[in-house]
Amino acid sequence: IRRVATDVLSAFATPFEVGGHVFQIATSVGFASSERHGADADELLASADFALYRAKQAGGQRACMFEPEMRRASIARRETQDEMLRALRE
C-alpha cells in the first residue's frame, strides 16, 4: 500500500499540461488496510480519512498510513470541544 501511495505522490510531483494550461498539484494521500483498520467499508474510509487529515496537517505532499491513535486523538478533541460548549451554556 505504501508503495502505491508513494507512486501516486510521484505521479503528481511534476507539473503537467492540459489544454494549454500547466497544472501543479499538491497531493496528500491517506491510506488504511482493510485487514487492520476497518471492519466494513465505512470504517475503512473513515480510517483513511484520518490518515489523509494527518498527511495534510504535516504539511502535505506526503503519504500517511492510518494509526489507531489518530481516531483516539480525534475522539478526545471532540469530547473536549463538547465539554467546553456545555460549560459555556451553563
Protein backbone atom coordinates (compact mmCIF):
# COMPACT_ATOMS: atom_id res chain seq x y z
CA ILE A 1 0.00 0.00 0.00
CA ARG A 2 2.78 2.39 0.93
CA ARG A 3 4.49 1.85 -2.45
CA VAL A 4 1.29 2.66 -4.35
CA ALA A 5 0.77 5.80 -2.23
CA THR A 6 4.35 6.88 -2.96
CA ASP A 7 3.77 6.24 -6.68
CA VAL A 8 0.68 8.50 -6.59
CA LEU A 9 2.69 11.28 -4.95
CA SER A 10 5.43 10.88 -7.56
CA ALA A 11 2.93 11.00 -10.42
CA PHE A 12 1.72 14.43 -9.31
CA ALA A 13 5.13 15.83 -8.36
CA THR A 14 5.84 17.02 -11.90
CA PRO A 15 3.72 19.81 -13.42
CA PHE A 16 1.59 18.67 -16.37
CA GLU A 17 -0.24 20.38 -19.20
CA VAL A 18 -3.90 20.03 -20.13
CA GLY A 19 -5.49 22.11 -22.87
CA GLY A 20 -2.61 24.58 -22.92
CA HIS A 21 -2.73 25.14 -19.14
CA VAL A 22 0.03 23.99 -16.80
CA PHE A 23 -1.06 22.42 -13.54
CA GLN A 24 1.00 21.65 -10.47
CA ILE A 25 -0.99 19.79 -7.86
CA ALA A 26 -0.01 19.40 -4.22
CA THR A 27 -1.01 15.88 -3.29
CA SER A 28 -1.57 14.19 0.04
CA VAL A 29 -2.50 10.54 0.49
CA GLY A 30 -4.13 8.85 3.44
CA PHE A 31 -4.50 5.09 3.41
CA ALA A 32 -5.67 2.25 5.60
CA SER A 33 -5.54 -1.54 5.41
CA SER A 34 -8.83 -3.43 5.37
CA GLU A 35 -7.21 -6.23 7.33
CA ARG A 36 -6.35 -3.99 10.29
CA HIS A 37 -8.17 -0.67 10.04
CA GLY A 38 -11.77 -1.32 9.11
CA ALA A 39 -14.41 -3.95 9.77
CA ASP A 40 -16.54 -2.54 6.92
CA ALA A 41 -16.25 -0.05 4.06
CA ASP A 42 -17.44 2.93 6.12
CA GLU A 43 -14.92 2.31 8.89
CA LEU A 44 -12.13 1.73 6.37
CA LEU A 45 -12.90 5.01 4.57
CA ALA A 46 -13.05 6.86 7.89
CA SER A 47 -9.65 5.43 8.83
CA ALA A 48 -8.15 6.52 5.51
CA ASP A 49 -9.69 9.97 6.03
CA PHE A 50 -8.00 10.27 9.45
CA ALA A 51 -4.69 9.41 7.76
CA LEU A 52 -5.31 11.95 4.98
CA TYR A 53 -6.00 14.66 7.56
CA ARG A 54 -2.72 13.79 9.30
CA ALA A 55 -0.81 13.93 5.99
CA LYS A 56 -2.23 17.39 5.25
CA GLN A 57 -1.62 18.54 8.82
CA ALA A 58 2.04 17.51 8.45
CA GLY A 59 2.47 19.90 5.52
CA GLY A 60 1.03 17.91 2.64
CA GLN A 61 2.78 16.26 -0.26
CA ARG A 62 3.16 13.06 1.73
CA ALA A 63 1.52 9.72 2.34
CA CYS A 64 0.35 8.65 5.76
CA MET A 65 -0.97 5.30 6.94
CA PHE A 66 -3.78 5.20 9.49
CA GLU A 67 -2.82 4.54 13.09
CA PRO A 68 -5.47 3.85 15.77
CA GLU A 69 -4.12 6.78 17.82
CA MET A 70 -5.45 9.12 15.11
CA ARG A 71 -9.03 8.07 15.90
CA ARG A 72 -8.46 8.24 19.67
CA ALA A 73 -7.00 11.76 19.40
CA SER A 74 -9.95 12.90 17.30
CA ILE A 75 -12.44 11.49 19.81
CA ALA A 76 -10.57 13.17 22.68
CA ARG A 77 -10.62 16.54 20.84
CA ARG A 78 -14.34 16.16 20.17
CA GLU A 79 -15.06 15.31 23.82
CA THR A 80 -13.10 18.36 24.97
CA GLN A 81 -14.95 20.54 22.50
CA ASP A 82 -18.30 19.18 23.71
CA GLU A 83 -17.34 19.80 27.34
CA MET A 84 -16.35 23.38 26.56
CA LEU A 85 -19.65 24.03 24.78
CA ARG A 86 -21.60 22.59 27.75
CA ALA A 87 -19.60 24.78 30.13
CA LEU A 88 -20.36 27.89 28.06
CA ARG A 89 -24.08 27.10 28.07
CA GLU A 90 -24.10 26.58 31.84
